[in-house]
Amino acid sequence: MTASRELPVALEAAQCCPADLTAPLDRAGAERLARLLKAVADPARLQLLSQIKASPGGEACVCDLTAPIGLSQPTVSHHLKVLTEAGLLNREQRGTWAWYSIDGQRLAELSAVLA
């Protein structure tokens, strides 16, 4: 990766999610932050994040998440999709099952906002 590519990526990351709330947010920043917070503002999604983070290797198959959460596979898949679209999870297809892992950078951004 060249230095010219690294700068726009860093700028995109800075524009995506503010590091904290010490400065006023513009409307676009507030909307991006609201989408991220909305993604985690659900008990099942918080449970899923904690289950995946605590799983061996920091990843879990959707088939292993339904019983601990107590929801049907389609409902769990829906919540995982919301978290993936918010950038909090990475998804990898392995055969017929999808495996999920936490996006550490995005989770750190969320933690910084809440700190």
Protein backbone atom coordinates (compact mmCIF):
# COMPACT_ATOMS: atom_id res chain seq x y z
CA MET A 1 0.00 0.00 0.00
CA THR A 2 1.45 3.37 -0.96
CA ALA A 3 1.56 6.46 1.21
CA SER A 4 -0.82 8.24 -1.16
CA ARG A 5 -3.46 5.57 -0.51
CA GLU A 6 -2.94 5.54 3.26
CA LEU A 7 -3.88 9.19 3.71
CA PRO A 8 -7.38 8.92 2.17
CA VAL A 9 -8.05 5.74 4.16
CA ALA A 10 -7.09 7.52 7.38
CA LEU A 11 -9.27 10.46 6.42
CA GLU A 12 -12.18 8.13 5.66
CA ALA A 13 -11.80 6.47 9.05
CA ALA A 14 -11.68 9.84 10.82
CA GLN A 15 -14.76 11.02 8.96
CA CYS A 16 -16.62 7.76 9.56
CA CYS A 17 -16.79 7.89 13.29
CA PRO A 18 -15.60 10.65 15.62
CA ALA A 19 -13.06 9.57 18.22
CA ASP A 20 -15.14 11.03 21.02
CA LEU A 21 -17.80 13.61 21.77
CA THR A 22 -15.48 16.37 23.00
CA ALA A 23 -16.25 18.51 19.93
CA PRO A 24 -19.66 19.29 18.43
CA LEU A 25 -20.78 16.88 15.71
CA ASP A 26 -21.91 18.06 12.32
CA ARG A 27 -25.15 16.58 10.98
CA ALA A 28 -23.44 13.93 8.82
CA GLY A 29 -21.22 12.81 11.71
CA ALA A 30 -24.20 12.62 14.03
CA GLU A 31 -26.14 10.50 11.53
CA ARG A 32 -23.21 8.07 11.08
CA LEU A 33 -22.80 7.77 14.83
CA ALA A 34 -26.55 7.28 15.32
CA ARG A 35 -26.54 4.38 12.80
CA LEU A 36 -23.69 2.72 14.69
CA LEU A 37 -25.36 3.19 18.07
CA LYS A 38 -28.68 1.96 16.68
CA ALA A 39 -26.96 -1.25 15.56
CA VAL A 40 -25.90 -2.05 19.14
CA ALA A 41 -29.04 -0.74 20.83
CA ASP A 42 -30.63 -4.17 20.97
CA PRO A 43 -30.15 -6.79 23.70
CA ALA A 44 -29.80 -9.66 21.21
CA ARG A 45 -27.10 -7.81 19.26
CA LEU A 46 -25.16 -7.04 22.42
CA GLN A 47 -25.42 -10.72 23.37
CA LEU A 48 -24.18 -11.73 19.92
CA LEU A 49 -21.19 -9.39 20.14
CA SER A 50 -20.27 -10.77 23.56
CA GLN A 51 -20.75 -14.41 22.45
CA ILE A 52 -18.53 -13.91 19.40
CA LYS A 53 -15.86 -12.03 21.35
CA ALA A 54 -15.77 -14.80 23.99
CA SER A 55 -15.70 -17.64 21.43
CA PRO A 56 -12.51 -19.64 20.84
CA GLY A 57 -10.40 -17.79 18.30
CA GLY A 58 -12.75 -14.80 18.52
CA GLU A 59 -15.04 -16.19 15.86
CA ALA A 60 -18.31 -18.09 15.82
CA CYS A 61 -20.52 -19.88 13.36
CA VAL A 62 -24.11 -18.74 13.14
CA CYS A 63 -25.08 -22.34 13.96
CA ASP A 64 -23.37 -22.00 17.36
CA LEU A 65 -25.08 -18.73 18.25
CA THR A 66 -28.77 -19.63 18.17
CA ALA A 67 -28.92 -21.74 21.36
CA PRO A 68 -27.01 -19.33 23.66
CA ILE A 69 -29.08 -16.38 22.45
CA GLY A 70 -32.36 -18.31 22.51
CA LEU A 71 -33.56 -17.06 19.14
CA SER A 72 -34.28 -18.79 15.84
CA GLN A 73 -31.59 -19.04 13.18
CA PRO A 74 -33.33 -16.54 10.84
CA THR A 75 -33.63 -13.99 13.68
CA VAL A 76 -29.99 -14.45 14.70
CA SER A 77 -28.96 -14.10 11.04
CA HIS A 78 -30.91 -10.85 10.78
CA HIS A 79 -29.15 -9.41 13.84
CA LEU A 80 -25.77 -10.55 12.54
CA LYS A 81 -26.51 -8.85 9.22
CA VAL A 82 -27.29 -5.56 10.99
CA LEU A 83 -24.03 -5.77 12.96
CA THR A 84 -22.08 -6.65 9.82
CA GLU A 85 -23.58 -3.74 7.87
CA ALA A 86 -22.63 -1.43 10.74
CA GLY A 87 -19.05 -2.65 10.36
CA LEU A 88 -18.85 -4.25 13.80
CA LEU A 89 -18.56 -7.81 12.48
CA ASN A 90 -16.62 -9.48 9.70
CA ARG A 91 -18.37 -12.31 7.86
CA GLU A 92 -16.70 -15.26 6.17
CA GLN A 93 -18.62 -17.94 4.30
CA ARG A 94 -17.31 -21.47 4.96
CA GLY A 95 -19.32 -24.05 3.10
CA THR A 96 -22.97 -23.63 4.02
CA TRP A 97 -22.30 -21.70 7.24
CA ALA A 98 -21.29 -18.12 7.86
CA TRP A 99 -18.62 -17.38 10.46
CA TYR A 100 -18.42 -14.05 12.24
CA SER A 101 -15.62 -12.21 14.02
CA ILE A 102 -15.44 -8.82 15.70
CA ASP A 103 -13.95 -5.92 13.77
CA GLY A 104 -11.62 -4.71 16.51
CA GLN A 105 -11.02 -1.28 15.00
CA ARG A 106 -14.72 -0.50 14.65
CA LEU A 107 -15.40 -1.76 18.19
CA ALA A 108 -12.58 0.47 19.47
CA GLU A 109 -14.18 3.44 17.70
CA LEU A 110 -17.45 2.68 19.42
CA SER A 111 -15.72 2.32 22.78
CA ALA A 112 -13.93 5.66 22.29
CA VAL A 113 -17.24 7.40 21.63
CA LEU A 114 -18.77 5.92 24.77
CA ALA A 115 -15.71 6.60 26.97
